[in-house]
N, C-alpha and C. Protein backbone atom coordinates (compact mmCIF):
# COMPACT_ATOMS: atom_id res chain seq x y z
N MET A 1 182.67 134.46 104.20
CA MET A 1 182.66 135.77 104.83
C MET A 1 182.61 135.56 106.35
N SER A 2 183.48 136.30 107.07
CA SER A 2 183.55 136.15 108.52
C SER A 2 182.35 136.82 109.18
N ALA A 3 182.17 136.45 110.48
CA ALA A 3 181.05 137.02 111.24
C ALA A 3 181.22 138.52 111.40
N ARG A 4 182.47 138.96 111.56
CA ARG A 4 182.70 140.40 111.71
C ARG A 4 182.33 141.15 110.45
N SER A 5 182.64 140.56 109.31
CA SER A 5 182.31 141.21 108.04
C SER A 5 180.80 141.28 107.86
N VAL A 6 180.11 140.20 108.24
CA VAL A 6 178.65 140.20 108.12
C VAL A 6 178.04 141.27 109.02
N ARG A 7 178.56 141.37 110.25
CA ARG A 7 178.02 142.36 111.18
C ARG A 7 178.27 143.76 110.67
N SER A 8 179.45 144.02 110.13
CA SER A 8 179.76 145.34 109.59
C SER A 8 178.88 145.67 108.41
N ALA A 9 178.58 144.63 107.58
CA ALA A 9 177.73 144.86 106.42
C ALA A 9 176.32 145.21 106.86
N LEU A 10 175.83 144.53 107.89
CA LEU A 10 174.49 144.84 108.37
C LEU A 10 174.42 146.24 108.97
N VAL A 11 175.45 146.58 109.76
CA VAL A 11 175.48 147.93 110.34
C VAL A 11 175.57 148.96 109.25
N GLY A 12 176.37 148.69 108.25
CA GLY A 12 176.50 149.63 107.14
C GLY A 12 175.19 149.82 106.41
N ALA A 13 174.45 148.71 106.20
CA ALA A 13 173.18 148.82 105.49
C ALA A 13 172.18 149.66 106.29
N VAL A 14 172.17 149.44 107.60
CA VAL A 14 171.25 150.24 108.44
C VAL A 14 171.66 151.69 108.42
N LEU A 15 172.95 151.96 108.52
CA LEU A 15 173.42 153.34 108.53
C LEU A 15 173.20 154.02 107.19
N CYS A 16 173.25 153.26 106.11
CA CYS A 16 172.96 153.86 104.79
C CYS A 16 171.53 154.34 104.73
N CYS A 17 170.62 153.50 105.25
CA CYS A 17 169.21 153.94 105.28
C CYS A 17 169.05 155.18 106.15
N TRP A 18 169.79 155.18 107.25
CA TRP A 18 169.71 156.34 108.15
C TRP A 18 170.27 157.58 107.49
N LEU A 19 171.40 157.45 106.76
CA LEU A 19 171.99 158.60 106.07
C LEU A 19 171.07 159.14 104.99
N GLN A 20 170.36 158.26 104.33
CA GLN A 20 169.41 158.74 103.33
C GLN A 20 168.31 159.58 103.97
N GLY A 21 167.93 159.19 105.20
CA GLY A 21 166.93 160.01 105.91
C GLY A 21 167.50 161.35 106.32
N ILE A 22 168.78 161.39 106.68
CA ILE A 22 169.40 162.65 107.08
C ILE A 22 169.52 163.60 105.91
N THR A 23 169.95 163.09 104.78
CA THR A 23 170.23 163.95 103.62
C THR A 23 169.00 164.16 102.75
N ALA A 24 167.86 163.63 103.15
CA ALA A 24 166.67 163.80 102.30
C ALA A 24 166.20 165.24 102.28
N HIS A 25 166.37 165.93 103.43
CA HIS A 25 165.86 167.31 103.51
C HIS A 25 166.89 168.31 103.05
N ALA A 26 168.16 168.13 103.43
CA ALA A 26 169.19 169.09 103.05
C ALA A 26 170.50 168.34 102.84
N ALA A 27 170.88 168.12 101.62
CA ALA A 27 172.13 167.43 101.30
C ALA A 27 173.29 168.38 101.52
N PRO A 28 174.34 167.94 102.23
CA PRO A 28 175.49 168.82 102.46
C PRO A 28 176.20 169.14 101.14
N GLU A 29 176.76 170.35 101.05
CA GLU A 29 177.43 170.80 99.83
C GLU A 29 178.95 170.78 99.96
N HIS A 30 179.47 170.73 101.20
CA HIS A 30 180.92 170.75 101.35
C HIS A 30 181.49 169.44 100.82
N PRO A 31 182.56 169.50 100.02
CA PRO A 31 183.09 168.27 99.40
C PRO A 31 183.61 167.26 100.41
N LEU A 32 184.21 167.70 101.51
CA LEU A 32 184.72 166.75 102.50
C LEU A 32 183.58 166.00 103.18
N VAL A 33 182.47 166.70 103.45
CA VAL A 33 181.33 166.04 104.08
C VAL A 33 180.72 165.03 103.12
N ARG A 34 180.58 165.40 101.86
CA ARG A 34 180.00 164.49 100.88
C ARG A 34 180.91 163.28 100.67
N ALA A 35 182.23 163.50 100.64
CA ALA A 35 183.16 162.39 100.47
C ALA A 35 183.14 161.48 101.69
N GLY A 36 183.03 162.03 102.89
CA GLY A 36 182.98 161.21 104.09
C GLY A 36 181.70 160.37 104.13
N MET A 37 180.57 160.96 103.70
CA MET A 37 179.32 160.21 103.65
C MET A 37 179.43 159.06 102.66
N ALA A 38 180.04 159.32 101.50
CA ALA A 38 180.19 158.27 100.48
C ALA A 38 181.06 157.13 100.99
N ALA A 39 182.13 157.48 101.72
CA ALA A 39 183.01 156.44 102.27
C ALA A 39 182.26 155.63 103.34
N TYR A 40 181.43 156.28 104.12
CA TYR A 40 180.67 155.58 105.15
C TYR A 40 179.67 154.63 104.53
N GLU A 41 179.01 155.07 103.45
CA GLU A 41 178.04 154.21 102.77
C GLU A 41 178.73 153.00 102.13
N SER A 42 179.98 153.16 101.78
CA SER A 42 180.74 152.06 101.18
C SER A 42 181.41 151.19 102.24
N LEU A 43 181.08 151.42 103.50
CA LEU A 43 181.63 150.68 104.63
C LEU A 43 183.12 150.91 104.81
N GLN A 44 183.61 152.02 104.26
CA GLN A 44 185.02 152.39 104.43
C GLN A 44 185.10 153.33 105.65
N TYR A 45 184.96 152.77 106.83
CA TYR A 45 184.83 153.58 108.04
C TYR A 45 186.11 154.35 108.38
N THR A 46 187.26 153.73 108.12
CA THR A 46 188.50 154.43 108.42
C THR A 46 188.66 155.65 107.52
N ARG A 47 188.36 155.48 106.23
CA ARG A 47 188.44 156.62 105.30
C ARG A 47 187.39 157.66 105.68
N ALA A 48 186.21 157.21 106.06
CA ALA A 48 185.16 158.16 106.43
C ALA A 48 185.59 158.99 107.64
N VAL A 49 186.23 158.35 108.62
CA VAL A 49 186.69 159.11 109.79
C VAL A 49 187.75 160.13 109.38
N SER A 50 188.66 159.75 108.52
CA SER A 50 189.72 160.67 108.09
C SER A 50 189.13 161.88 107.37
N LEU A 51 188.19 161.65 106.45
CA LEU A 51 187.59 162.76 105.70
C LEU A 51 186.75 163.67 106.61
N LEU A 52 185.99 163.04 107.48
CA LEU A 52 185.10 163.85 108.33
C LEU A 52 185.88 164.58 109.43
N GLU A 53 187.02 164.08 109.87
CA GLU A 53 187.86 164.83 110.80
C GLU A 53 188.38 166.11 110.12
N ARG A 54 188.72 166.00 108.85
CA ARG A 54 189.15 167.20 108.11
C ARG A 54 187.99 168.16 107.95
N ALA A 55 186.82 167.63 107.65
CA ALA A 55 185.65 168.49 107.52
C ALA A 55 185.28 169.13 108.87
N ARG A 56 185.57 168.43 109.94
CA ARG A 56 185.26 168.96 111.29
C ARG A 56 186.04 170.24 111.57
N ARG A 57 187.26 170.34 110.99
CA ARG A 57 188.09 171.52 111.19
C ARG A 57 187.84 172.59 110.15
N ALA A 58 187.00 172.30 109.16
CA ALA A 58 186.72 173.27 108.09
C ALA A 58 185.57 174.18 108.51
N SER A 59 185.34 175.17 107.68
CA SER A 59 184.24 176.12 107.91
C SER A 59 182.97 175.53 107.31
N LEU A 60 182.05 175.12 108.15
CA LEU A 60 180.82 174.49 107.70
C LEU A 60 179.62 175.26 108.23
N SER A 61 178.50 175.07 107.58
CA SER A 61 177.25 175.62 108.10
C SER A 61 176.79 174.76 109.27
N PRO A 62 175.94 175.27 110.14
CA PRO A 62 175.48 174.45 111.28
C PRO A 62 174.86 173.13 110.84
N GLU A 63 174.10 173.12 109.74
CA GLU A 63 173.49 171.88 109.28
C GLU A 63 174.54 170.89 108.79
N GLU A 64 175.54 171.37 108.02
CA GLU A 64 176.59 170.48 107.51
C GLU A 64 177.44 169.94 108.65
N ARG A 65 177.71 170.80 109.66
CA ARG A 65 178.52 170.33 110.79
C ARG A 65 177.76 169.27 111.57
N ALA A 66 176.45 169.41 111.74
CA ALA A 66 175.66 168.41 112.47
C ALA A 66 175.70 167.06 111.75
N VAL A 67 175.58 167.07 110.40
CA VAL A 67 175.64 165.81 109.64
C VAL A 67 177.02 165.17 109.75
N ALA A 68 178.07 166.00 109.65
CA ALA A 68 179.44 165.47 109.71
C ALA A 68 179.71 164.86 111.08
N LEU A 69 179.29 165.52 112.16
CA LEU A 69 179.55 164.99 113.50
C LEU A 69 178.75 163.73 113.76
N THR A 70 177.52 163.67 113.26
CA THR A 70 176.70 162.47 113.46
C THR A 70 177.35 161.25 112.80
N ILE A 71 177.79 161.41 111.54
CA ILE A 71 178.39 160.29 110.82
C ILE A 71 179.76 159.94 111.41
N LEU A 72 180.52 160.97 111.81
CA LEU A 72 181.84 160.74 112.37
C LEU A 72 181.74 159.97 113.69
N GLY A 73 180.81 160.37 114.56
CA GLY A 73 180.65 159.64 115.81
C GLY A 73 180.21 158.21 115.60
N SER A 74 179.31 158.00 114.67
CA SER A 74 178.84 156.64 114.39
C SER A 74 179.97 155.78 113.85
N ALA A 75 180.80 156.35 112.95
CA ALA A 75 181.92 155.58 112.40
C ALA A 75 182.92 155.20 113.48
N LYS A 76 183.16 156.10 114.44
CA LYS A 76 184.09 155.79 115.52
C LYS A 76 183.56 154.66 116.40
N VAL A 77 182.23 154.63 116.63
CA VAL A 77 181.66 153.54 117.42
C VAL A 77 181.85 152.21 116.69
N VAL A 78 181.62 152.21 115.37
CA VAL A 78 181.77 150.98 114.58
C VAL A 78 183.22 150.49 114.65
N LEU A 79 184.18 151.42 114.64
CA LEU A 79 185.59 151.06 114.69
C LEU A 79 186.06 150.73 116.10
N GLY A 80 185.17 150.88 117.10
CA GLY A 80 185.53 150.56 118.48
C GLY A 80 186.11 151.73 119.26
N ASP A 81 186.14 152.93 118.69
CA ASP A 81 186.67 154.10 119.38
C ASP A 81 185.51 154.82 120.08
N GLU A 82 185.02 154.22 121.16
CA GLU A 82 183.87 154.82 121.84
C GLU A 82 184.25 156.11 122.56
N ARG A 83 185.49 156.20 123.02
CA ARG A 83 185.92 157.44 123.69
C ARG A 83 185.90 158.60 122.71
N GLY A 84 186.44 158.38 121.52
CA GLY A 84 186.40 159.43 120.51
C GLY A 84 184.97 159.74 120.08
N ALA A 85 184.12 158.68 120.01
CA ALA A 85 182.72 158.89 119.63
C ALA A 85 181.99 159.75 120.67
N ARG A 86 182.30 159.55 121.96
CA ARG A 86 181.65 160.37 123.00
C ARG A 86 182.00 161.85 122.83
N ALA A 87 183.28 162.13 122.52
CA ALA A 87 183.69 163.52 122.33
C ALA A 87 182.96 164.14 121.14
N VAL A 88 182.80 163.35 120.05
CA VAL A 88 182.11 163.87 118.87
C VAL A 88 180.63 164.10 119.16
N PHE A 89 179.99 163.14 119.81
CA PHE A 89 178.56 163.30 120.12
C PHE A 89 178.33 164.45 121.11
N SER A 90 179.27 164.66 122.04
CA SER A 90 179.14 165.79 122.96
C SER A 90 179.19 167.12 122.21
N GLU A 91 180.10 167.20 121.22
CA GLU A 91 180.16 168.42 120.39
C GLU A 91 178.88 168.61 119.59
N LEU A 92 178.31 167.50 119.12
CA LEU A 92 177.06 167.58 118.35
C LEU A 92 175.91 168.11 119.23
N LEU A 93 175.84 167.62 120.47
CA LEU A 93 174.75 168.04 121.36
C LEU A 93 174.93 169.48 121.83
N GLU A 94 176.16 169.94 121.90
CA GLU A 94 176.38 171.36 122.21
C GLU A 94 175.93 172.24 121.04
N LEU A 95 176.11 171.73 119.83
CA LEU A 95 175.68 172.48 118.66
C LEU A 95 174.17 172.45 118.51
N GLN A 96 173.61 171.27 118.66
CA GLN A 96 172.15 171.09 118.53
C GLN A 96 171.67 170.23 119.71
N PRO A 97 171.24 170.87 120.81
CA PRO A 97 170.83 170.08 121.98
C PRO A 97 169.66 169.14 121.73
N ASP A 98 168.87 169.40 120.70
CA ASP A 98 167.70 168.56 120.42
C ASP A 98 168.00 167.43 119.43
N SER A 99 169.28 167.19 119.16
CA SER A 99 169.64 166.13 118.21
C SER A 99 169.27 164.76 118.78
N SER A 100 168.90 163.85 117.89
CA SER A 100 168.56 162.48 118.28
C SER A 100 168.90 161.56 117.12
N LEU A 101 169.03 160.28 117.42
CA LEU A 101 169.33 159.28 116.40
C LEU A 101 168.07 158.52 116.05
N ASP A 102 168.00 158.10 114.82
CA ASP A 102 166.84 157.35 114.34
C ASP A 102 166.82 155.97 114.99
N ALA A 103 165.61 155.42 115.09
CA ALA A 103 165.47 154.10 115.69
C ALA A 103 166.14 153.01 114.87
N ALA A 104 166.40 153.28 113.58
CA ALA A 104 167.05 152.27 112.73
C ALA A 104 168.54 152.17 112.97
N VAL A 105 169.12 153.12 113.72
CA VAL A 105 170.56 153.09 113.99
C VAL A 105 170.87 151.94 114.94
N SER A 106 172.06 151.42 114.82
CA SER A 106 172.49 150.29 115.64
C SER A 106 172.33 150.61 117.13
N PRO A 107 171.82 149.66 117.90
CA PRO A 107 171.67 149.91 119.35
C PRO A 107 172.99 150.28 120.02
N ARG A 108 174.08 149.75 119.53
CA ARG A 108 175.38 150.07 120.12
C ARG A 108 175.69 151.55 119.94
N ILE A 109 175.41 152.07 118.75
CA ILE A 109 175.66 153.50 118.51
C ILE A 109 174.71 154.36 119.35
N ARG A 110 173.43 153.97 119.38
CA ARG A 110 172.44 154.74 120.14
C ARG A 110 172.75 154.70 121.63
N MET A 111 173.32 153.61 122.13
CA MET A 111 173.66 153.53 123.55
C MET A 111 174.73 154.55 123.91
N VAL A 112 175.76 154.65 123.08
CA VAL A 112 176.82 155.64 123.34
C VAL A 112 176.26 157.05 123.23
N PHE A 113 175.42 157.27 122.22
CA PHE A 113 174.86 158.61 122.01
C PHE A 113 173.96 159.00 123.19
N GLU A 114 173.09 158.11 123.64
CA GLU A 114 172.18 158.43 124.72
C GLU A 114 172.93 158.63 126.04
N GLU A 115 174.03 157.93 126.22
CA GLU A 115 174.83 158.13 127.42
C GLU A 115 175.38 159.55 127.47
N ILE A 116 175.94 160.02 126.37
CA ILE A 116 176.48 161.38 126.31
C ILE A 116 175.34 162.40 126.40
N ARG A 117 174.22 162.08 125.78
CA ARG A 117 173.08 163.01 125.80
C ARG A 117 172.57 163.21 127.24
N ALA A 118 172.53 162.13 128.03
CA ALA A 118 172.10 162.25 129.42
C ALA A 118 173.08 163.10 130.23
N GLN A 119 174.39 162.92 129.98
CA GLN A 119 175.39 163.73 130.70
C GLN A 119 175.28 165.21 130.34
N VAL A 120 175.06 165.50 129.07
CA VAL A 120 174.95 166.90 128.65
C VAL A 120 173.70 167.54 129.24
N LEU A 121 172.59 166.81 129.23
CA LEU A 121 171.36 167.36 129.79
C LEU A 121 171.46 167.57 131.29
N ALA A 122 172.25 166.71 131.99
CA ALA A 122 172.39 166.86 133.44
C ALA A 122 173.17 168.11 133.80
N THR A 123 174.14 168.51 132.97
CA THR A 123 174.94 169.71 133.24
C THR A 123 174.36 170.95 132.60
N ARG A 124 173.30 170.79 131.86
CA ARG A 124 172.71 171.94 131.16
C ARG A 124 171.78 172.68 132.12
N PRO A 125 171.91 174.00 132.23
CA PRO A 125 171.01 174.74 133.13
C PRO A 125 169.57 174.68 132.62
N PRO A 126 168.62 174.65 133.53
CA PRO A 126 167.21 174.59 133.08
C PRO A 126 166.82 175.83 132.30
N ASP A 127 165.94 175.61 131.38
CA ASP A 127 165.45 176.73 130.57
C ASP A 127 164.68 177.70 131.46
N PRO A 128 164.91 179.00 131.26
CA PRO A 128 164.16 179.97 132.08
C PRO A 128 162.68 179.91 131.75
N PRO A 129 161.84 180.12 132.74
CA PRO A 129 160.39 180.09 132.45
C PRO A 129 159.98 181.21 131.51
N LEU A 130 159.02 180.89 130.72
CA LEU A 130 158.53 181.88 129.77
C LEU A 130 157.87 183.02 130.52
N ASP A 131 158.20 184.22 130.09
CA ASP A 131 157.61 185.39 130.72
C ASP A 131 156.17 185.52 130.27
N LYS A 132 155.29 185.38 131.21
CA LYS A 132 153.88 185.54 130.90
C LYS A 132 153.47 186.99 131.11
N PRO A 133 152.73 187.51 130.17
CA PRO A 133 152.31 188.91 130.36
C PRO A 133 151.43 189.04 131.59
N VAL A 134 151.75 190.03 132.36
CA VAL A 134 150.96 190.28 133.57
C VAL A 134 149.68 191.00 133.18
N PRO A 135 148.54 190.43 133.51
CA PRO A 135 147.29 191.11 133.12
C PRO A 135 147.18 192.44 133.82
N GLN A 136 146.78 193.42 133.03
CA GLN A 136 146.60 194.75 133.57
C GLN A 136 145.20 194.87 134.16
N LEU A 137 145.18 195.10 135.45
CA LEU A 137 143.90 195.26 136.11
C LEU A 137 143.40 196.69 135.91
N PRO A 138 142.12 196.86 135.67
CA PRO A 138 141.60 198.23 135.51
C PRO A 138 141.77 199.01 136.79
N SER A 139 142.16 200.26 136.63
CA SER A 139 142.34 201.10 137.80
C SER A 139 140.99 201.39 138.44
N PRO A 140 140.93 201.34 139.74
CA PRO A 140 139.64 201.58 140.41
C PRO A 140 139.16 203.00 140.20
N GLN A 141 137.89 203.13 139.90
CA GLN A 141 137.29 204.43 139.72
C GLN A 141 136.96 205.04 141.08
N PRO A 142 137.19 206.35 141.21
CA PRO A 142 136.88 206.97 142.51
C PRO A 142 135.39 206.92 142.79
N THR A 143 135.04 206.61 144.01
CA THR A 143 133.65 206.52 144.41
C THR A 143 133.10 207.92 144.66
N PRO A 144 132.03 208.31 143.98
CA PRO A 144 131.49 209.66 144.20
C PRO A 144 130.93 209.77 145.61
N PRO A 145 131.02 210.95 146.20
CA PRO A 145 130.47 211.12 147.56
C PRO A 145 128.96 210.96 147.54
N PRO A 146 128.38 210.45 148.62
CA PRO A 146 126.92 210.27 148.65
C PRO A 146 126.19 211.61 148.59
N ALA A 147 125.09 211.62 147.87
CA ALA A 147 124.30 212.84 147.74
C ALA A 147 123.64 213.16 149.07
N PRO A 148 123.62 214.42 149.44
CA PRO A 148 122.98 214.78 150.72
C PRO A 148 121.49 214.50 150.67
N VAL A 149 120.97 213.99 151.77
CA VAL A 149 119.54 213.67 151.89
C VAL A 149 118.83 214.89 152.46
N LEU A 150 117.93 215.46 151.68
CA LEU A 150 117.19 216.65 152.11
C LEU A 150 115.86 216.23 152.71
N ALA A 151 115.54 216.79 153.87
CA ALA A 151 114.26 216.50 154.51
C ALA A 151 113.15 217.23 153.76
N PRO A 152 112.00 216.61 153.65
CA PRO A 152 110.91 217.29 152.95
C PRO A 152 110.47 218.55 153.69
N ALA A 153 110.16 219.57 152.88
CA ALA A 153 109.76 220.85 153.46
C ALA A 153 108.41 220.71 154.16
N GLY A 154 108.28 221.20 155.38
CA GLY A 154 107.04 221.16 156.14
C GLY A 154 106.62 222.54 156.58
N PRO A 155 105.56 222.62 157.36
CA PRO A 155 105.12 223.94 157.82
C PRO A 155 106.16 224.56 158.74
N ALA A 156 106.23 225.90 158.65
CA ALA A 156 107.19 226.62 159.48
C ALA A 156 106.78 226.54 160.93
N ILE A 157 107.71 226.24 161.79
CA ILE A 157 107.46 226.15 163.23
C ILE A 157 107.95 227.42 163.88
N PRO A 158 107.04 228.17 164.53
CA PRO A 158 107.49 229.43 165.16
C PRO A 158 108.42 229.13 166.32
N VAL A 159 109.45 229.89 166.38
CA VAL A 159 110.42 229.73 167.46
C VAL A 159 110.19 230.85 168.46
N PRO A 160 109.84 230.54 169.73
CA PRO A 160 109.60 231.61 170.71
C PRO A 160 110.85 232.39 171.00
N LEU A 161 110.65 233.71 171.11
CA LEU A 161 111.77 234.59 171.41
C LEU A 161 112.11 234.49 172.89
N PRO A 162 113.31 234.63 173.25
CA PRO A 162 113.68 234.57 174.68
C PRO A 162 113.09 235.74 175.45
N ARG A 163 112.62 235.46 176.67
CA ARG A 163 112.06 236.51 177.52
C ARG A 163 113.18 237.33 178.14
N PRO A 164 112.86 238.64 178.36
CA PRO A 164 113.89 239.48 179.01
C PRO A 164 114.11 239.03 180.45
N VAL A 165 115.29 239.07 180.86
CA VAL A 165 115.66 238.65 182.20
C VAL A 165 115.30 239.75 183.19
N GLN A 166 114.48 239.40 184.19
CA GLN A 166 114.09 240.35 185.22
C GLN A 166 115.23 240.48 186.24
N PRO A 167 115.50 241.73 186.65
CA PRO A 167 116.56 241.89 187.67
C PRO A 167 116.11 241.29 188.99
N ILE A 168 116.99 240.65 189.64
CA ILE A 168 116.72 240.01 190.93
C ILE A 168 116.97 241.02 192.05
N GLN A 169 115.94 241.26 192.87
CA GLN A 169 116.04 242.19 193.99
C GLN A 169 116.38 241.40 195.25
N ILE A 170 117.46 241.75 195.82
CA ILE A 170 117.93 241.08 197.04
C ILE A 170 117.67 242.02 198.21
N ALA A 171 116.81 241.59 199.17
CA ALA A 171 116.47 242.41 200.35
C ALA A 171 117.65 242.44 201.31
N ALA A 172 117.88 243.65 201.82
CA ALA A 172 118.95 243.81 202.79
C ALA A 172 118.58 243.11 204.09
N PRO A 173 119.49 242.45 204.75
CA PRO A 173 119.17 241.76 206.01
C PRO A 173 118.77 242.74 207.10
N ARG A 174 117.73 242.34 207.86
CA ARG A 174 117.28 243.17 208.97
C ARG A 174 118.30 243.15 210.09
N PRO A 175 118.42 244.33 210.79
CA PRO A 175 119.38 244.33 211.91
C PRO A 175 118.89 243.45 213.03
N ALA A 176 119.78 242.83 213.71
CA ALA A 176 119.44 241.96 214.83
C ALA A 176 118.74 242.76 215.93
N PRO A 177 117.66 242.25 216.53
CA PRO A 177 116.96 243.01 217.59
C PRO A 177 117.83 243.23 218.82
N VAL A 178 117.67 244.45 219.42
CA VAL A 178 118.45 244.80 220.62
C VAL A 178 117.80 244.14 221.82
N PRO A 179 118.53 243.43 222.66
CA PRO A 179 117.94 242.82 223.84
C PRO A 179 117.22 243.85 224.71
N VAL A 180 116.18 243.35 225.41
CA VAL A 180 115.35 244.25 226.22
C VAL A 180 116.15 244.88 227.34
N TYR A 181 117.07 244.08 227.89
CA TYR A 181 117.82 244.60 229.04
C TYR A 181 118.79 245.67 228.65
N ARG A 182 119.01 245.83 227.28
CA ARG A 182 119.88 246.90 226.83
C ARG A 182 119.13 248.17 226.51
N ARG A 183 117.85 248.14 226.59
CA ARG A 183 117.05 249.33 226.30
C ARG A 183 116.95 250.19 227.59
N GLY A 184 116.91 251.48 227.42
CA GLY A 184 116.89 252.40 228.57
C GLY A 184 115.58 252.37 229.34
N TRP A 185 114.50 252.22 228.63
CA TRP A 185 113.20 252.22 229.30
C TRP A 185 113.02 251.01 230.18
N PHE A 186 113.78 249.88 229.83
CA PHE A 186 113.63 248.68 230.63
C PHE A 186 114.06 248.92 232.08
N TRP A 187 115.16 249.56 232.22
CA TRP A 187 115.67 249.79 233.56
C TRP A 187 114.85 250.84 234.31
N GLY A 188 114.23 251.72 233.53
CA GLY A 188 113.33 252.68 234.20
C GLY A 188 112.11 251.99 234.78
N VAL A 189 111.59 251.03 233.96
CA VAL A 189 110.44 250.28 234.44
C VAL A 189 110.82 249.45 235.64
N VAL A 190 111.99 248.79 235.52
CA VAL A 190 112.44 247.96 236.63
C VAL A 190 112.60 248.79 237.90
N GLY A 191 113.17 249.98 237.73
CA GLY A 191 113.37 250.85 238.90
C GLY A 191 112.05 251.28 239.51
N GLY A 192 111.07 251.59 238.62
CA GLY A 192 109.76 252.01 239.13
C GLY A 192 109.08 250.89 239.88
N VAL A 193 109.15 249.70 239.33
CA VAL A 193 108.52 248.55 239.97
C VAL A 193 109.16 248.28 241.31
N ALA A 194 110.47 248.37 241.35
CA ALA A 194 111.18 248.13 242.60
C ALA A 194 110.82 249.16 243.65
N GLY A 195 110.71 250.41 243.19
CA GLY A 195 110.35 251.48 244.12
C GLY A 195 108.95 251.28 244.66
N ALA A 196 108.06 250.87 243.74
CA ALA A 196 106.69 250.65 244.18
C ALA A 196 106.62 249.50 245.17
N ALA A 197 107.45 248.49 244.94
CA ALA A 197 107.46 247.35 245.84
C ALA A 197 107.95 247.78 247.21
N VAL A 198 108.94 248.62 247.22
CA VAL A 198 109.47 249.09 248.51
C VAL A 198 108.42 249.89 249.25
N VAL A 199 107.79 250.76 248.49
CA VAL A 199 106.78 251.62 249.11
C VAL A 199 105.65 250.77 249.63
N GLY A 200 105.24 249.76 248.81
CA GLY A 200 104.16 248.89 249.24
C GLY A 200 104.52 248.14 250.50
N GLY A 201 105.75 247.71 250.62
CA GLY A 201 106.20 246.97 251.78
C GLY A 201 106.18 247.83 253.02
N VAL A 202 106.59 249.01 252.83
CA VAL A 202 106.63 249.93 253.98
C VAL A 202 105.22 250.22 254.46
N LEU A 203 104.37 250.47 253.45
CA LEU A 203 103.00 250.79 253.85
C LEU A 203 102.36 249.58 254.50
N GLY A 204 102.66 248.40 254.04
CA GLY A 204 102.09 247.22 254.65
C GLY A 204 102.54 247.06 256.09
N GLY A 205 103.77 247.36 256.36
CA GLY A 205 104.29 247.22 257.69
C GLY A 205 103.67 248.23 258.65
N ILE A 206 103.45 249.37 258.09
CA ILE A 206 102.90 250.41 258.91
C ILE A 206 101.45 250.09 259.23
N LEU A 207 100.75 249.65 258.19
CA LEU A 207 99.34 249.37 258.39
C LEU A 207 99.15 248.17 259.29
N GLY A 208 100.14 247.27 259.35
CA GLY A 208 100.00 246.09 260.18
C GLY A 208 100.15 246.40 261.66
N ARG A 209 100.73 247.45 261.93
CA ARG A 209 100.94 247.80 263.33
C ARG A 209 99.79 248.68 263.77
N HIS A 210 98.88 248.21 264.56
CA HIS A 210 97.76 249.00 265.04
C HIS A 210 97.41 248.45 266.44
N SER A 211 96.77 249.18 267.10
CA SER A 211 96.38 248.82 268.46
C SER A 211 94.99 249.33 268.71
N ASP A 212 94.15 248.43 269.10
CA ASP A 212 92.77 248.73 269.37
C ASP A 212 92.11 249.38 268.21
N GLY A 213 92.56 249.00 267.09
CA GLY A 213 91.93 249.55 265.89
C GLY A 213 92.35 250.94 265.59
N GLN A 214 93.37 251.43 266.22
CA GLN A 214 93.84 252.76 265.98
C GLN A 214 95.12 252.69 265.19
N LEU A 215 95.19 253.58 264.33
CA LEU A 215 96.36 253.65 263.48
C LEU A 215 97.44 254.35 264.25
N ILE A 216 98.56 253.68 264.34
CA ILE A 216 99.70 254.25 264.99
C ILE A 216 100.63 254.76 263.93
N VAL A 217 100.88 256.03 264.00
CA VAL A 217 101.76 256.68 263.06
C VAL A 217 103.10 256.76 263.68
N VAL A 218 104.04 256.21 263.09
CA VAL A 218 105.43 256.26 263.55
C VAL A 218 106.08 257.42 262.89
N PRO A 219 106.55 258.32 263.66
CA PRO A 219 107.22 259.50 263.11
C PRO A 219 108.52 259.10 262.47
N HIS A 220 108.91 259.81 261.45
CA HIS A 220 110.19 259.59 260.78
C HIS A 220 111.28 260.30 261.43
């Protein structure tokens, strides 16, 4: 047996164990998918690719299509058609983004699958954040107005009544005094005094003129 045959047999044995894990939960019912799986388990990779390509174009359930694409891509890698395997794995990841291969699968197959998976995840938009419910805050209660503070009742304080306003008496201004020289009696007094002075002077002159003690009367 050649080295290539031994390697294919080992890969087939590993893939058979992997297929048993895939079909343990839900065995596909479509005849083309079942026939392709049987051909793959028998190491008939070319026949498996032919059957699963036909099943790929048929109407399958999402679970059956995922199984068919997984086996088809793996068979293409074994046959050396890595370009075709990338296209199949890309379709699988678009159908089920969370798809993964078991650790028992050949590293060569997992390498091609993980390469396509990284490219798909890089072009995939990020998941929107989960909407968290906004907590409802209680509405503020209105603050009651402060109660008025009443002063304690004390003894009544008498309030004095306003006094009546007394009328203000304003005295009339006194007339300015009349100067003395403007009074009539002043000039009469002045005239009398002057006359008396004249008379006194005349009498003095007359009395001063005497001779031998005799009064000399000067006729007018």
